[in-house]
């Protein structure tokens, strides 16, 4: 996730308690012999620790959603791609980065994409840039592999494949890749920039169902089989998507910050809570 996309892990907690701050809600939410804890105490603690961060998120979403749109389809596509990239590690990644569930992550993505759309509005790309990007674009491929630690074992596996052994069975028996071995070496669909260069080059050079020679990388010795390859769409069908990607690639944190300051100024945002009055200052972002 880009550095200017904000974490939303605690937003719901503070939003849900925000009404309590107005009336001094003394409703008890924890009882103990040592003393009770009220909603107001919890709200105050959350506000002190995370109030500025969450207020930023709420203001950004409110201001940007008035001018820019992020559709459910865009969000679903982003989540689906992340799920595909992370595979079985998706849920673990959510917990690691502090998201309580998929909806929490989706809201974070929404704010990040709103910021992107605001920041790229004045960025231009040329037809030449789009054509060059398209010419260098490779469609996703679906491959599987067998990873072993030494060349001797790799040659042994390769010989068995040449003699007609099933790739999936050899992957389960020999492969040292814990993420794919039990799935017969299946790596799923992936595009460029995902695998190490030697692996990517060898995989993309294969024809459908073809098995590679032994490929050495920093991880060990691989034998790769190409299962399928997607067709590259015509340029006209991809032009809008490519244009967006190129514009986003020209962004950096400084550019996004400058645009956000302009958006907040135009929206005439004023923070009435004195405790959070500095939440939107540049050094707080």
Protein backbone atom coordinates (compact mmCIF):
# COMPACT_ATOMS: atom_id res chain seq x y z
CA UNK A 1 0.00 0.00 0.00
CA UNK A 2 1.28 3.46 -0.86
CA UNK A 3 2.66 5.52 1.98
CA UNK A 4 -0.07 8.15 1.75
CA UNK A 5 -2.88 5.60 2.14
CA UNK A 6 -4.07 5.92 5.71
CA UNK A 7 -4.66 3.07 8.15
CA UNK A 8 -8.24 2.72 9.36
CA UNK A 9 -7.90 -0.02 11.90
CA UNK A 10 -9.32 2.00 14.79
CA UNK A 11 -11.75 4.29 13.00
CA UNK A 12 -14.86 2.29 13.79
CA UNK A 13 -14.07 2.23 17.48
CA UNK A 14 -13.79 6.00 17.75
CA UNK A 15 -16.68 6.74 15.40
CA UNK A 16 -18.91 4.43 17.38
CA UNK A 17 -18.10 6.26 20.59
CA UNK A 18 -18.05 9.80 19.20
CA UNK A 19 -21.52 10.65 20.47
CA UNK A 20 -20.34 9.98 23.99
CA UNK A 21 -17.98 12.93 23.96
CA UNK A 22 -20.77 15.46 23.79
CA UNK A 23 -22.80 14.56 26.81
CA UNK A 24 -20.24 13.03 29.12
CA UNK A 25 -21.68 9.52 28.78
CA UNK A 26 -21.11 7.71 32.06
CA UNK A 27 -22.48 4.36 30.86
CA UNK A 28 -20.34 1.63 32.39
CA UNK A 29 -18.82 -0.78 29.88
CA UNK A 30 -16.41 -2.60 32.22
CA UNK A 31 -17.04 -3.49 35.87
CA UNK A 32 -14.39 -4.69 38.31
CA UNK A 33 -13.58 -4.67 41.99
CA UNK A 34 -10.84 -2.17 41.19
CA UNK A 35 -13.31 0.24 39.62
CA UNK A 36 -15.51 0.72 36.56
CA UNK A 37 -14.68 2.03 33.08
CA UNK A 38 -17.21 4.22 31.27
CA UNK A 39 -17.79 4.90 27.61
CA UNK A 40 -16.52 8.43 28.13
CA UNK A 41 -13.23 7.16 29.55
CA UNK A 42 -12.77 4.81 26.61
CA UNK A 43 -13.60 7.54 24.10
CA UNK A 44 -11.14 9.95 25.73
CA UNK A 45 -8.36 7.34 25.69
CA UNK A 46 -8.97 6.50 22.03
CA UNK A 47 -9.15 10.16 21.12
CA UNK A 48 -5.87 10.92 22.89
CA UNK A 49 -4.05 8.07 21.18
CA UNK A 50 -5.59 7.94 17.71
CA UNK A 51 -7.84 10.97 17.39
CA UNK A 52 -5.69 12.95 14.95
CA UNK A 53 -5.19 9.99 12.61
CA UNK A 54 -8.85 9.05 12.54
CA UNK A 55 -9.98 12.66 12.15
CA UNK A 56 -7.72 12.97 9.11
CA UNK A 57 -9.36 9.90 7.59
CA UNK A 58 -12.88 11.12 8.25
CA UNK A 59 -12.20 14.59 6.86
CA UNK A 60 -10.40 13.31 3.77
CA UNK A 61 -13.21 10.91 2.96
CA UNK A 62 -15.91 13.54 3.51
CA UNK A 63 -14.15 16.22 1.43
CA UNK A 64 -12.91 14.06 -1.43
CA UNK A 65 -16.10 12.03 -1.90
CA UNK A 66 -17.90 15.27 -2.83
CA UNK A 67 -15.74 15.68 -5.95
CA UNK A 68 -14.35 12.25 -6.82
CA UNK A 69 -15.89 8.80 -7.10
CA UNK A 70 -14.52 5.37 -6.26
CA UNK A 71 -16.92 2.64 -7.32
CA UNK A 72 -17.57 -0.65 -5.56
CA UNK A 73 -16.30 -2.38 -8.69
CA UNK A 74 -12.95 -0.58 -8.42
CA UNK A 75 -12.64 -1.54 -4.77
CA UNK A 76 -13.63 -5.16 -5.39
CA UNK A 77 -11.05 -5.43 -8.17
CA UNK A 78 -8.35 -4.04 -5.88
CA UNK A 79 -9.27 -6.44 -3.07
CA UNK A 80 -9.49 -9.40 -5.46
CA UNK A 81 -6.03 -8.64 -6.85
CA UNK A 82 -4.57 -8.40 -3.36
CA UNK A 83 -6.21 -11.70 -2.41
CA UNK A 84 -4.75 -13.33 -5.50
CA UNK A 85 -1.29 -11.91 -4.82
CA UNK A 86 -1.28 -12.93 -1.15
CA UNK A 87 -3.17 -16.20 -1.50
CA UNK A 88 -3.44 -18.01 1.83
CA UNK A 89 -1.59 -15.16 3.55
CA UNK A 90 -4.39 -12.63 2.98
CA UNK A 91 -6.03 -12.97 6.41
CA UNK A 92 -2.66 -12.95 8.14
CA UNK A 93 -1.70 -9.77 6.28
CA UNK A 94 -4.93 -8.08 7.39
CA UNK A 95 -4.12 -8.80 11.01
CA UNK A 96 -0.46 -7.83 10.62
CA UNK A 97 -1.33 -4.37 9.28
CA UNK A 98 -4.07 -3.76 11.84
CA UNK A 99 -7.22 -4.19 9.75
CA UNK A 100 -10.03 -5.86 11.61
CA UNK A 101 -11.64 -7.33 8.49
CA UNK A 102 -11.95 -7.03 4.71
CA UNK A 103 -14.43 -4.14 4.93
CA UNK A 104 -11.96 -2.18 7.02
CA UNK A 105 -9.30 -2.71 4.36
CA UNK A 106 -11.75 -1.73 1.61
CA UNK A 107 -12.46 1.58 3.33
CA UNK A 108 -8.75 2.26 3.58
CA UNK A 109 -8.36 1.53 -0.11
CA UNK A 110 -11.27 3.85 -0.87
CA UNK A 111 -9.62 6.80 0.86
CA UNK A 112 -6.31 6.01 -0.84
CA UNK A 113 -7.97 5.89 -4.26
CA UNK A 114 -9.86 9.12 -3.58
CA UNK A 115 -6.51 10.73 -2.79
CA UNK A 116 -5.03 9.31 -5.98
CA UNK A 117 -7.85 10.64 -8.11
CA UNK A 118 -7.55 14.07 -6.54
CA UNK A 119 -3.78 14.10 -7.00
CA UNK A 120 -3.73 13.01 -10.66
CA UNK A 121 -6.36 15.47 -11.89
CA UNK A 122 -3.75 17.86 -13.31
CA UNK A 123 -1.20 15.26 -14.40
CA UNK A 124 -0.84 14.73 -18.15
CA UNK A 125 0.42 11.70 -20.07
CA UNK A 126 1.09 11.53 -23.79
CA UNK A 127 -0.08 9.00 -26.37
CA UNK A 128 3.58 8.05 -26.82
CA UNK A 129 3.89 7.18 -23.12
CA UNK A 130 0.72 5.10 -23.31
CA UNK A 131 1.96 3.23 -26.41
CA UNK A 132 5.36 2.52 -24.84
CA UNK A 133 3.70 1.22 -21.67
CA UNK A 134 1.40 -1.01 -23.74
CA UNK A 135 4.25 -2.37 -25.88
CA UNK A 136 6.16 -3.39 -22.75
CA UNK A 137 3.11 -4.84 -21.01
CA UNK A 138 2.99 -8.61 -20.67
CA UNK A 139 -0.29 -10.41 -19.89
CA UNK A 140 -0.56 -12.56 -16.77
CA UNK A 141 0.49 -16.18 -16.91
CA UNK A 142 -0.49 -19.26 -14.89
CA UNK A 143 2.43 -21.49 -13.96
CA UNK A 144 3.60 -24.12 -11.54
CA UNK A 145 7.05 -25.09 -10.40
CA UNK A 146 9.16 -27.54 -8.47
CA UNK A 147 11.79 -25.91 -6.24
CA UNK A 148 14.72 -27.93 -4.91
CA UNK A 149 17.90 -26.96 -3.07
CA UNK A 150 20.60 -28.48 -5.29
CA UNK A 151 21.27 -29.07 -8.97
CA UNK A 152 21.64 -32.83 -8.55
CA UNK A 153 18.09 -33.18 -7.25
CA UNK A 154 16.84 -30.82 -9.96
CA UNK A 155 18.39 -33.05 -12.65
CA UNK A 156 16.81 -36.10 -11.05
CA UNK A 157 13.36 -34.47 -11.09
CA UNK A 158 13.84 -33.27 -14.66
CA UNK A 159 14.74 -36.80 -15.76
CA UNK A 160 11.59 -38.19 -14.15
CA UNK A 161 9.51 -35.57 -15.98
CA UNK A 162 11.17 -36.53 -19.27
CA UNK A 163 10.22 -40.14 -18.57
CA UNK A 164 6.56 -39.19 -18.15
CA UNK A 165 6.12 -38.66 -14.41
CA UNK A 166 3.30 -36.31 -13.42
CA UNK A 167 4.42 -32.78 -12.56
CA UNK A 168 1.95 -32.41 -9.68
CA UNK A 169 3.09 -35.60 -7.97
CA UNK A 170 6.77 -34.69 -8.25
CA UNK A 171 6.03 -31.21 -6.88
CA UNK A 172 4.35 -32.69 -3.82
CA UNK A 173 7.26 -35.08 -3.28
CA UNK A 174 10.26 -32.87 -4.02
CA UNK A 175 9.36 -29.19 -3.94
CA UNK A 176 10.66 -27.10 -1.06
CA UNK A 177 8.22 -24.25 -1.71
CA UNK A 178 5.73 -24.50 1.19
CA UNK A 179 3.25 -22.21 -0.52
CA UNK A 180 2.79 -24.34 -3.62
CA UNK A 181 4.13 -27.86 -3.04
CA UNK A 182 0.87 -29.26 -1.66
CA UNK A 183 -0.98 -27.77 -4.62
CA UNK A 184 1.17 -29.63 -7.10
CA UNK A 185 3.45 -26.64 -7.49
CA UNK A 186 0.64 -24.35 -8.64
CA UNK A 187 1.56 -20.66 -8.33
CA UNK A 188 -1.71 -19.33 -9.72
CA UNK A 189 -1.85 -16.34 -12.05
CA UNK A 190 0.82 -13.66 -11.85
CA UNK A 191 2.23 -10.83 -13.93
CA UNK A 192 5.57 -9.14 -14.36
CA UNK A 193 7.49 -7.89 -11.35
CA UNK A 194 6.14 -10.57 -9.01
CA UNK A 195 8.78 -13.29 -9.36
CA UNK A 196 12.56 -12.91 -9.34
CA UNK A 197 13.89 -11.91 -12.80
CA UNK A 198 15.41 -15.29 -13.74
CA UNK A 199 12.17 -17.08 -12.91
CA UNK A 200 9.99 -14.53 -14.72
CA UNK A 201 12.11 -14.59 -17.86
CA UNK A 202 12.06 -18.40 -18.05
CA UNK A 203 8.32 -18.66 -17.34
CA UNK A 204 7.34 -16.07 -19.94
CA UNK A 205 9.52 -17.78 -22.56
CA UNK A 206 7.52 -21.02 -22.32
CA UNK A 207 4.68 -22.13 -24.53
CA UNK A 208 1.47 -23.50 -23.01
CA UNK A 209 2.12 -26.82 -21.21
CA UNK A 210 5.86 -26.61 -21.94
CA UNK A 211 8.30 -27.48 -19.15
CA UNK A 212 11.45 -25.44 -18.68
CA UNK A 213 15.04 -26.52 -18.25
CA UNK A 214 16.50 -26.11 -14.78
CA UNK A 215 16.37 -22.45 -13.68
CA UNK A 216 18.66 -21.23 -10.93
CA UNK A 217 17.58 -18.31 -8.74
CA UNK A 218 18.42 -17.00 -5.27
CA UNK A 219 15.82 -19.42 -3.89
CA UNK A 220 17.32 -22.58 -5.40
CA UNK A 221 16.72 -24.64 -8.55
CA UNK A 222 13.36 -24.48 -10.31
CA UNK A 223 11.61 -26.50 -12.96
CA UNK A 224 8.69 -24.52 -14.35
CA UNK A 225 5.65 -25.47 -16.38
CA UNK A 226 3.44 -22.90 -18.09
CA UNK A 227 -0.20 -23.84 -17.63
CA UNK A 228 -1.88 -20.95 -19.43
CA UNK A 229 -1.32 -17.38 -20.66
CA UNK A 230 -3.87 -14.58 -20.97
CA UNK A 231 -4.40 -12.81 -24.25
CA UNK A 232 -3.22 -9.23 -24.44
CA UNK A 233 -6.19 -6.89 -24.94
CA UNK A 234 -6.12 -4.32 -27.77
CA UNK A 235 -4.60 -0.96 -26.88
CA UNK A 236 -7.91 0.86 -27.20
CA UNK A 237 -9.49 -1.44 -24.62
CA UNK A 238 -6.69 -0.74 -22.15
CA UNK A 239 -5.94 2.90 -22.87
CA UNK A 240 -7.96 4.35 -19.99
CA UNK A 241 -6.50 1.90 -17.48
CA UNK A 242 -2.94 2.51 -18.70
CA UNK A 243 -3.41 6.28 -18.59
CA UNK A 244 -4.52 6.05 -14.96
CA UNK A 245 -1.56 3.83 -14.02
CA UNK A 246 0.90 6.18 -15.68
CA UNK A 247 -0.53 9.19 -13.88
CA UNK A 248 -0.36 7.42 -10.52
CA UNK A 249 3.25 6.41 -11.24
CA UNK A 250 4.15 10.11 -11.40
CA UNK A 251 2.87 10.77 -7.89
CA UNK A 252 4.90 11.01 -4.73
CA UNK A 253 4.06 11.83 -1.13
CA UNK A 254 4.90 15.51 -1.55
CA UNK A 255 2.58 15.90 -4.54
CA UNK A 256 -0.29 14.15 -2.77
CA UNK A 257 0.21 16.25 0.36
CA UNK A 258 0.11 19.48 -1.65
CA UNK A 259 -3.12 18.47 -3.37
CA UNK A 260 -4.71 17.46 -0.08
CA UNK A 261 -3.89 20.85 1.41
CA UNK A 262 -5.55 22.52 -1.58
CA UNK A 263 -8.64 20.33 -1.28
CA UNK A 264 -9.01 21.05 2.44
CA UNK A 265 -8.57 24.77 1.87
CA UNK A 266 -11.21 24.79 -0.87
CA UNK A 267 -13.61 22.90 1.40
CA UNK A 268 -13.00 25.48 4.16
CA UNK A 269 -12.40 22.81 6.80
CA UNK A 270 -12.33 24.09 10.37
CA UNK A 271 -11.68 21.89 13.39
CA UNK A 272 -13.79 22.96 16.36
CA UNK A 273 -12.30 20.50 18.86
CA UNK A 274 -9.32 22.29 20.46
CA UNK A 275 -7.68 18.98 21.33
CA UNK A 276 -7.53 18.01 17.65
CA UNK A 277 -6.90 21.44 16.14
CA UNK A 278 -3.53 20.36 14.65
CA UNK A 279 -4.74 17.08 13.14
CA UNK A 280 -4.68 18.33 9.54
CA UNK A 281 -1.36 20.17 9.65
CA UNK A 282 1.24 19.00 7.15
CA UNK A 283 3.57 17.49 9.74
CA UNK A 284 0.71 15.34 11.02
CA UNK A 285 0.01 13.59 7.69
